[in-house]
Amino acid sequence: MADTMAVSKVEQGSKQFQGAFKEMWLVTGTVTDQDAIADDVGVAISLTVPGVALGDMVLGLSFGNSLADANAQLSVTAFVSAANTVIMKLINVDATTDAYDADTLNGGGFKMLIGRPSW
């Protein structure tokens, strides 16, 4: 049975991460030159974020511009790939064969929240 995972511990609460993370990074950036992204294609963008390390978690990511244009839509994920480096991946997940238009994200910004677990 492949791809099997199990949850070993869950803690629920409304303390807004109090004590869950030793350090946190609030990252703000801008999009200046975004190329078209073909259907079912992903684009990986390397970002320098001083101080992050493997094991740190990207907790949230948002954009100031829409991730859906007239033809397609994007799914976005991010992860810490090495010391001081975060990879942001933009994937065209549209059900048709349309590309996500170039420059749709230009002029907008993004925000990312990264935490270093204390557990």
C-alpha atoms as a PDB file:
ATOM      1  CA  MET A   1       0.000   0.000   0.000  1.00  0.00           C
ATOM      2  CA  ALA A   2       1.882   3.070  -1.264  1.00  0.00           C
ATOM      3  CA  ASP A   3       1.562   6.678  -0.159  1.00  0.00           C
ATOM      4  CA  THR A   4       0.359   5.855   3.345  1.00  0.00           C
ATOM      5  CA  MET A   5       0.577   8.450   6.108  1.00  0.00           C
ATOM      6  CA  ALA A   6      -0.771   8.660   9.628  1.00  0.00           C
ATOM      7  CA  VAL A   7      -1.338  11.551  12.019  1.00  0.00           C
ATOM      8  CA  SER A   8       0.378  10.943  15.344  1.00  0.00           C
ATOM      9  CA  LYS A   9      -0.627  14.070  17.264  1.00  0.00           C
ATOM     10  CA  VAL A  10      -3.063  16.977  16.879  1.00  0.00           C
ATOM     11  CA  GLU A  11      -3.467  19.950  19.187  1.00  0.00           C
ATOM     12  CA  GLN A  12      -6.338  22.341  18.621  1.00  0.00           C
ATOM     13  CA  GLY A  13      -6.630  25.833  20.042  1.00  0.00           C
ATOM     14  CA  SER A  14      -7.052  29.498  19.317  1.00  0.00           C
ATOM     15  CA  LYS A  15      -3.774  30.860  20.643  1.00  0.00           C
ATOM     16  CA  GLN A  16      -2.603  32.035  17.214  1.00  0.00           C
ATOM     17  CA  PHE A  17       0.707  30.158  17.175  1.00  0.00           C
ATOM     18  CA  GLN A  18       1.772  31.243  20.694  1.00  0.00           C
ATOM     19  CA  GLY A  19       4.806  29.145  21.515  1.00  0.00           C
ATOM     20  CA  ALA A  20       4.448  27.019  18.377  1.00  0.00           C
ATOM     21  CA  PHE A  21       7.218  28.850  16.517  1.00  0.00           C
ATOM     22  CA  LYS A  22      10.620  30.064  17.734  1.00  0.00           C
ATOM     23  CA  GLU A  23      10.998  32.565  14.919  1.00  0.00           C
ATOM     24  CA  MET A  24       8.771  33.940  12.193  1.00  0.00           C
ATOM     25  CA  TRP A  25       9.411  35.793   8.949  1.00  0.00           C
ATOM     26  CA  LEU A  26       6.918  38.193   7.399  1.00  0.00           C
ATOM     27  CA  VAL A  27       7.973  38.399   3.748  1.00  0.00           C
ATOM     28  CA  THR A  28       6.681  41.010   1.319  1.00  0.00           C
ATOM     29  CA  GLY A  29       7.657  41.146  -2.338  1.00  0.00           C
ATOM     30  CA  THR A  30       6.635  42.458  -5.727  1.00  0.00           C
ATOM     31  CA  VAL A  31       6.025  40.815  -9.082  1.00  0.00           C
ATOM     32  CA  THR A  32       7.768  42.715 -11.877  1.00  0.00           C
ATOM     33  CA  ASP A  33       7.953  40.415 -14.918  1.00  0.00           C
ATOM     34  CA  GLN A  34       5.719  37.328 -15.008  1.00  0.00           C
ATOM     35  CA  ASP A  35       5.772  35.195 -18.163  1.00  0.00           C
ATOM     36  CA  ALA A  36       2.799  33.273 -19.539  1.00  0.00           C
ATOM     37  CA  ILE A  37       2.344  29.842 -17.931  1.00  0.00           C
ATOM     38  CA  ALA A  38       1.152  27.092 -20.265  1.00  0.00           C
ATOM     39  CA  ASP A  39      -1.663  24.708 -19.309  1.00  0.00           C
ATOM     40  CA  ASP A  40      -0.622  22.067 -16.743  1.00  0.00           C
ATOM     41  CA  VAL A  41       2.827  23.646 -16.424  1.00  0.00           C
ATOM     42  CA  GLY A  42       4.511  24.791 -13.233  1.00  0.00           C
ATOM     43  CA  VAL A  43       7.078  27.544 -12.869  1.00  0.00           C
ATOM     44  CA  ALA A  44       9.466  27.487  -9.891  1.00  0.00           C
ATOM     45  CA  ILE A  45      10.821  30.833  -8.694  1.00  0.00           C
ATOM     46  CA  SER A  46      13.712  30.965  -6.228  1.00  0.00           C
ATOM     47  CA  LEU A  47      13.474  33.711  -3.591  1.00  0.00           C
ATOM     48  CA  THR A  48      16.201  34.740  -1.151  1.00  0.00           C
ATOM     49  CA  VAL A  49      14.830  34.999   2.397  1.00  0.00           C
ATOM     50  CA  PRO A  50      17.721  35.588   4.825  1.00  0.00           C
ATOM     51  CA  GLY A  51      17.682  33.366   7.901  1.00  0.00           C
ATOM     52  CA  VAL A  52      15.279  30.617   6.838  1.00  0.00           C
ATOM     53  CA  ALA A  53      16.491  27.012   7.007  1.00  0.00           C
ATOM     54  CA  LEU A  54      15.333  23.539   6.069  1.00  0.00           C
ATOM     55  CA  GLY A  55      12.525  22.541   8.417  1.00  0.00           C
ATOM     56  CA  ASP A  56      10.984  26.020   8.457  1.00  0.00           C
ATOM     57  CA  MET A  57       7.364  26.116   7.282  1.00  0.00           C
ATOM     58  CA  VAL A  58       5.666  28.424   4.807  1.00  0.00           C
ATOM     59  CA  LEU A  59       2.393  28.965   6.675  1.00  0.00           C
ATOM     60  CA  GLY A  60       0.640  31.275   4.275  1.00  0.00           C
ATOM     61  CA  LEU A  61       0.992  32.980   0.929  1.00  0.00           C
ATOM     62  CA  SER A  62      -1.168  35.644  -0.708  1.00  0.00           C
ATOM     63  CA  PHE A  63      -1.094  37.821  -3.810  1.00  0.00           C
ATOM     64  CA  GLY A  64      -2.381  41.348  -4.397  1.00  0.00           C
ATOM     65  CA  ASN A  65      -3.520  40.446  -7.926  1.00  0.00           C
ATOM     66  CA  SER A  66      -5.921  37.697  -8.961  1.00  0.00           C
ATOM     67  CA  LEU A  67      -4.567  34.203  -9.542  1.00  0.00           C
ATOM     68  CA  ALA A  68      -7.265  33.763 -12.191  1.00  0.00           C
ATOM     69  CA  ASP A  69      -7.248  35.629 -15.489  1.00  0.00           C
ATOM     70  CA  ALA A  70      -9.807  35.494 -18.312  1.00  0.00           C
ATOM     71  CA  ASN A  71      -8.448  32.148 -19.514  1.00  0.00           C
ATOM     72  CA  ALA A  72      -6.810  30.211 -16.704  1.00  0.00           C
ATOM     73  CA  GLN A  73      -6.068  30.024 -12.990  1.00  0.00           C
ATOM     74  CA  LEU A  74      -3.011  29.332 -10.866  1.00  0.00           C
ATOM     75  CA  SER A  75      -2.373  27.218  -7.817  1.00  0.00           C
ATOM     76  CA  VAL A  76       0.554  28.521  -5.777  1.00  0.00           C
ATOM     77  CA  THR A  77       2.681  26.784  -3.181  1.00  0.00           C
ATOM     78  CA  ALA A  78       5.953  27.641  -1.473  1.00  0.00           C
ATOM     79  CA  PHE A  79       8.525  25.797   0.613  1.00  0.00           C
ATOM     80  CA  VAL A  80      11.963  26.320   2.131  1.00  0.00           C
ATOM     81  CA  SER A  81      14.388  24.441  -0.125  1.00  0.00           C
ATOM     82  CA  ALA A  82      17.731  25.368   1.471  1.00  0.00           C
ATOM     83  CA  ALA A  83      19.282  27.876   3.854  1.00  0.00           C
ATOM     84  CA  ASN A  84      18.094  31.383   2.922  1.00  0.00           C
ATOM     85  CA  THR A  85      16.040  30.053  -0.021  1.00  0.00           C
ATOM     86  CA  VAL A  86      12.302  29.672  -0.602  1.00  0.00           C
ATOM     87  CA  ILE A  87      10.886  28.159  -3.786  1.00  0.00           C
ATOM     88  CA  MET A  88       7.536  29.543  -4.921  1.00  0.00           C
ATOM     89  CA  LYS A  89       5.792  27.336  -7.465  1.00  0.00           C
ATOM     90  CA  LEU A  90       3.055  28.708  -9.736  1.00  0.00           C
ATOM     91  CA  ILE A  91       1.044  25.973 -11.488  1.00  0.00           C
ATOM     92  CA  ASN A  92      -1.558  26.516 -14.207  1.00  0.00           C
ATOM     93  CA  VAL A  93      -4.413  24.242 -13.101  1.00  0.00           C
ATOM     94  CA  ASP A  94      -6.997  25.355 -15.645  1.00  0.00           C
ATOM     95  CA  ALA A  95      -9.309  22.638 -16.980  1.00  0.00           C
ATOM     96  CA  THR A  96      -8.837  23.820 -20.571  1.00  0.00           C
ATOM     97  CA  THR A  97      -5.679  24.192 -22.645  1.00  0.00           C
ATOM     98  CA  ASP A  98      -5.350  27.931 -22.072  1.00  0.00           C
ATOM     99  CA  ALA A  99      -2.217  29.618 -20.788  1.00  0.00           C
ATOM    100  CA  TYR A 100      -2.220  31.958 -17.799  1.00  0.00           C
ATOM    101  CA  ASP A 101      -1.529  35.313 -19.451  1.00  0.00           C
ATOM    102  CA  ALA A 102       1.862  36.990 -19.154  1.00  0.00           C
ATOM    103  CA  ASP A 103       2.095  40.027 -16.888  1.00  0.00           C
ATOM    104  CA  THR A 104      -1.192  39.296 -15.056  1.00  0.00           C
ATOM    105  CA  LEU A 105       0.612  39.401 -11.693  1.00  0.00           C
ATOM    106  CA  ASN A 106       2.879  42.335 -12.617  1.00  0.00           C
ATOM    107  CA  GLY A 107       2.580  45.400 -10.437  1.00  0.00           C
ATOM    108  CA  GLY A 108       1.062  43.375  -7.624  1.00  0.00           C
ATOM    109  CA  GLY A 109       2.696  42.143  -4.504  1.00  0.00           C
ATOM    110  CA  PHE A 110       2.837  38.963  -2.504  1.00  0.00           C
ATOM    111  CA  LYS A 111       3.024  38.240   1.210  1.00  0.00           C
ATOM    112  CA  MET A 112       4.350  35.119   2.849  1.00  0.00           C
ATOM    113  CA  LEU A 113       4.436  33.963   6.473  1.00  0.00           C
ATOM    114  CA  ILE A 114       7.226  31.546   7.430  1.00  0.00           C
ATOM    115  CA  GLY A 115       7.699  29.948  10.844  1.00  0.00           C
ATOM    116  CA  ARG A 116      10.400  27.883  12.556  1.00  0.00           C
ATOM    117  CA  PRO A 117       8.660  25.203  14.654  1.00  0.00           C
ATOM    118  CA  SER A 118       9.543  25.061  18.337  1.00  0.00           C
ATOM    119  CA  TRP A 119       8.473  21.450  18.701  1.00  0.00           C
END
